């Protein structure tokens, strides 16, 4: 089952001869098209660290997803995904939080679309702290409080809630893919929880 996000058809415009949008499956990028685009252009992503806060707004838990890679290796990661053409950052953030955490997570999106960090992923290690063997990607990273029940969906196997101290550990960082352990520590620092 594919978990890729559909892309809009840029050639479709409403009109007398085009009352209905074309078949929605035509809006998906094929694997070949996506691979070609990834070789030519950086892709814009959002990443989110879901958190639970106490009555004073202090972060008490952070959520980290567990996923199985195609190789069978288990890794930890954050909520993430591409920003679609014509989609606002707020809409992309909400869509990916719902996709990964379920519709009952009830995220409280930030009032401002300014991220706590911008992470730049490269296919070759050593350029930055972040790697993605598929592509050059730029990711806007957010800390997002959630108030509801999180039920991981799509390719996430589980969501593990951790205290800030647990999330900052070297053990958790070692389990995270692509350098996201560093991004998780940056998230902790942005909310005053890195000791």
Protein backbone atom coordinates (compact mmCIF):
# COMPACT_ATOMS: atom_id res chain seq x y z
CA UNK A 1 0.00 0.00 0.00
CA UNK A 2 1.43 3.38 -0.97
CA UNK A 3 1.50 6.06 1.70
CA UNK A 4 2.57 8.87 -0.63
CA UNK A 5 0.58 12.08 -0.66
CA UNK A 6 -1.33 12.91 -3.84
CA UNK A 7 -0.12 15.91 -5.81
CA UNK A 8 -2.51 18.22 -7.65
CA UNK A 9 -2.72 18.11 -11.44
CA UNK A 10 -1.16 21.43 -12.51
CA UNK A 11 -2.78 21.27 -15.98
CA UNK A 12 -6.40 21.04 -14.78
CA UNK A 13 -8.49 24.21 -14.85
CA UNK A 14 -12.25 24.35 -14.38
CA UNK A 15 -14.29 25.30 -17.41
CA UNK A 16 -17.32 24.25 -19.49
CA UNK A 17 -15.47 21.24 -20.88
CA UNK A 18 -13.77 20.43 -17.53
CA UNK A 19 -16.55 20.43 -14.96
CA UNK A 20 -15.11 17.51 -13.00
CA UNK A 21 -11.44 17.32 -12.01
CA UNK A 22 -9.56 14.52 -13.78
CA UNK A 23 -9.17 11.12 -12.17
CA UNK A 24 -7.53 11.75 -8.79
CA UNK A 25 -5.00 8.98 -9.41
CA UNK A 26 -3.57 11.04 -12.27
CA UNK A 27 -2.51 13.65 -9.71
CA UNK A 28 -0.04 11.31 -8.02
CA UNK A 29 3.56 11.51 -8.98
CA UNK A 30 4.74 8.20 -10.33
CA UNK A 31 7.81 6.66 -8.75
CA UNK A 32 9.81 7.61 -11.85
CA UNK A 33 8.58 11.24 -11.80
CA UNK A 34 9.29 11.60 -8.07
CA UNK A 35 12.78 10.11 -8.44
CA UNK A 36 13.50 12.50 -11.34
CA UNK A 37 12.32 15.53 -9.37
CA UNK A 38 14.35 14.46 -6.32
CA UNK A 39 17.51 14.33 -8.50
CA UNK A 40 16.93 17.86 -9.80
CA UNK A 41 15.37 19.97 -7.02
CA UNK A 42 15.35 20.31 -3.25
CA UNK A 43 11.95 19.25 -1.88
CA UNK A 44 10.17 21.24 0.87
CA UNK A 45 9.03 19.28 3.93
CA UNK A 46 7.58 19.98 7.34
CA UNK A 47 8.54 18.05 10.46
CA UNK A 48 6.71 18.13 13.77
CA UNK A 49 7.58 17.07 17.28
CA UNK A 50 4.27 16.28 19.01
CA UNK A 51 4.32 17.24 22.69
CA UNK A 52 2.11 17.10 25.75
CA UNK A 53 2.19 20.14 28.01
CA UNK A 54 1.14 20.72 31.62
CA UNK A 55 -1.18 23.48 32.85
CA UNK A 56 1.66 26.02 32.73
CA UNK A 57 2.51 25.18 29.11
CA UNK A 58 5.72 23.32 30.00
CA UNK A 59 6.56 20.32 27.84
CA UNK A 60 6.25 17.12 29.89
CA UNK A 61 6.35 14.52 27.09
CA UNK A 62 7.51 14.29 23.47
CA UNK A 63 6.17 11.81 20.92
CA UNK A 64 8.53 9.87 18.66
CA UNK A 65 7.33 7.51 15.92
CA UNK A 66 8.63 3.98 15.39
CA UNK A 67 8.84 2.88 11.75
CA UNK A 68 10.14 -0.13 9.87
CA UNK A 69 12.42 0.72 6.95
CA UNK A 70 12.16 -1.29 3.71
CA UNK A 71 15.32 -3.11 4.83
CA UNK A 72 13.47 -4.34 7.94
CA UNK A 73 15.45 -2.08 10.27
CA UNK A 74 13.42 -0.36 13.00
CA UNK A 75 14.06 3.37 13.38
CA UNK A 76 12.58 6.27 15.29
CA UNK A 77 11.50 9.41 13.50
CA UNK A 78 9.30 12.49 13.69
CA UNK A 79 6.04 13.42 12.01
CA UNK A 80 7.08 14.60 8.55
CA UNK A 81 6.00 14.97 4.95
CA UNK A 82 6.13 17.05 1.79
CA UNK A 83 4.43 20.40 1.36
CA UNK A 84 2.20 20.18 -1.71
CA UNK A 85 1.99 22.72 -4.50
CA UNK A 86 -0.53 25.39 -3.45
CA UNK A 87 -0.67 24.17 0.16
CA UNK A 88 0.00 26.50 3.10
CA UNK A 89 2.53 25.45 5.74
CA UNK A 90 -0.29 25.36 8.30
CA UNK A 91 -2.35 23.02 6.10
CA UNK A 92 0.65 20.76 5.44
CA UNK A 93 1.45 20.60 9.15
CA UNK A 94 -2.13 19.71 10.06
CA UNK A 95 -2.41 17.12 7.26
CA UNK A 96 0.78 15.30 8.26
CA UNK A 97 -0.04 15.38 11.98
CA UNK A 98 -3.42 13.83 11.23
CA UNK A 99 -1.89 11.35 8.77
CA UNK A 100 0.74 10.12 11.25
CA UNK A 101 -1.08 10.52 14.59
CA UNK A 102 -4.71 9.96 13.63
CA UNK A 103 -7.72 12.28 13.49
CA UNK A 104 -8.21 12.33 17.27
CA UNK A 105 -4.77 13.79 18.13
CA UNK A 106 -6.20 17.34 18.19
CA UNK A 107 -2.99 19.26 17.44
CA UNK A 108 -2.76 22.89 18.55
CA UNK A 109 -1.02 24.47 15.59
CA UNK A 110 1.32 27.38 16.34
CA UNK A 111 -0.08 30.88 15.89
CA UNK A 112 2.90 31.72 13.69
CA UNK A 113 4.25 29.58 10.85
CA UNK A 114 7.82 30.34 11.95
CA UNK A 115 9.62 27.03 12.66
CA UNK A 116 11.96 26.44 15.59
CA UNK A 117 14.56 25.25 13.08
CA UNK A 118 15.24 24.65 9.40
CA UNK A 119 16.95 21.35 8.64
CA UNK A 120 18.66 20.72 5.32
CA UNK A 121 18.98 17.06 4.33
CA UNK A 122 21.52 15.87 1.75
CA UNK A 123 21.99 12.43 0.18
CA UNK A 124 25.69 12.46 1.12
CA UNK A 125 26.67 12.49 4.80
CA UNK A 126 28.88 15.20 6.25
CA UNK A 127 27.44 18.28 4.54
CA UNK A 128 25.04 18.94 7.45
CA UNK A 129 23.98 16.89 10.47
CA UNK A 130 21.00 15.59 8.45
CA UNK A 131 20.96 12.97 5.69
CA UNK A 132 18.33 11.50 3.37
CA UNK A 133 19.72 9.06 0.82
CA UNK A 134 16.80 9.78 -1.54
CA UNK A 135 17.16 13.53 -2.00
CA UNK A 136 18.18 17.04 -1.08
CA UNK A 137 15.35 18.29 1.17
CA UNK A 138 14.68 21.40 3.21
CA UNK A 139 12.50 20.86 6.26
CA UNK A 140 10.74 23.39 8.46
CA UNK A 141 10.51 21.95 11.99
CA UNK A 142 7.79 22.70 14.55
CA UNK A 143 6.92 21.76 18.13
CA UNK A 144 3.17 21.08 18.24
CA UNK A 145 1.16 20.35 21.40
CA UNK A 146 -1.45 17.63 20.98
CA UNK A 147 -4.36 17.21 23.39
CA UNK A 148 -6.17 14.14 22.09
CA UNK A 149 -5.55 10.45 21.63
CA UNK A 150 -2.76 9.60 19.21
CA UNK A 151 -3.24 6.46 17.15
CA UNK A 152 -0.33 6.12 14.69
CA UNK A 153 -1.38 5.47 11.12
CA UNK A 154 0.15 4.97 7.70
CA UNK A 155 3.61 3.44 8.03
CA UNK A 156 4.13 4.34 11.71
CA UNK A 157 4.04 1.29 13.98
CA UNK A 158 3.73 3.16 17.28
CA UNK A 159 4.12 6.51 18.96
CA UNK A 160 6.33 6.45 22.04
CA UNK A 161 5.89 9.22 24.60
CA UNK A 162 9.11 10.18 26.37
CA UNK A 163 10.08 12.66 29.03
CA UNK A 164 12.38 15.47 27.87
CA UNK A 165 15.26 13.78 29.70
CA UNK A 166 14.63 10.44 27.91
CA UNK A 167 14.23 12.16 24.51
CA UNK A 168 17.58 13.95 24.92
CA UNK A 169 19.47 10.71 25.60
CA UNK A 170 22.16 9.32 23.31
CA UNK A 171 20.25 6.03 23.12
CA UNK A 172 17.19 7.69 21.55
CA UNK A 173 19.37 9.79 19.25
CA UNK A 174 21.12 6.64 17.99
CA UNK A 175 17.75 5.08 17.04
CA UNK A 176 16.63 8.11 15.02
CA UNK A 177 17.10 8.19 11.25
CA UNK A 178 18.89 10.83 9.23
CA UNK A 179 20.21 12.87 12.17
CA UNK A 180 16.79 13.58 13.59
CA UNK A 181 18.16 13.03 17.10
CA UNK A 182 19.87 16.42 16.69
CA UNK A 183 16.59 17.94 15.54
CA UNK A 184 14.81 16.47 18.57
CA UNK A 185 17.41 18.07 20.88
CA UNK A 186 16.93 21.40 19.05
CA UNK A 187 13.19 21.08 19.71
CA UNK A 188 13.90 20.49 23.40
CA UNK A 189 16.17 23.55 23.48
CA UNK A 190 13.53 25.70 21.76
CA UNK A 191 11.03 24.98 24.56
CA UNK A 192 13.59 25.34 27.37
CA UNK A 193 13.82 21.62 28.15
CA UNK A 194 17.42 20.79 27.23
CA UNK A 195 19.55 20.49 30.34
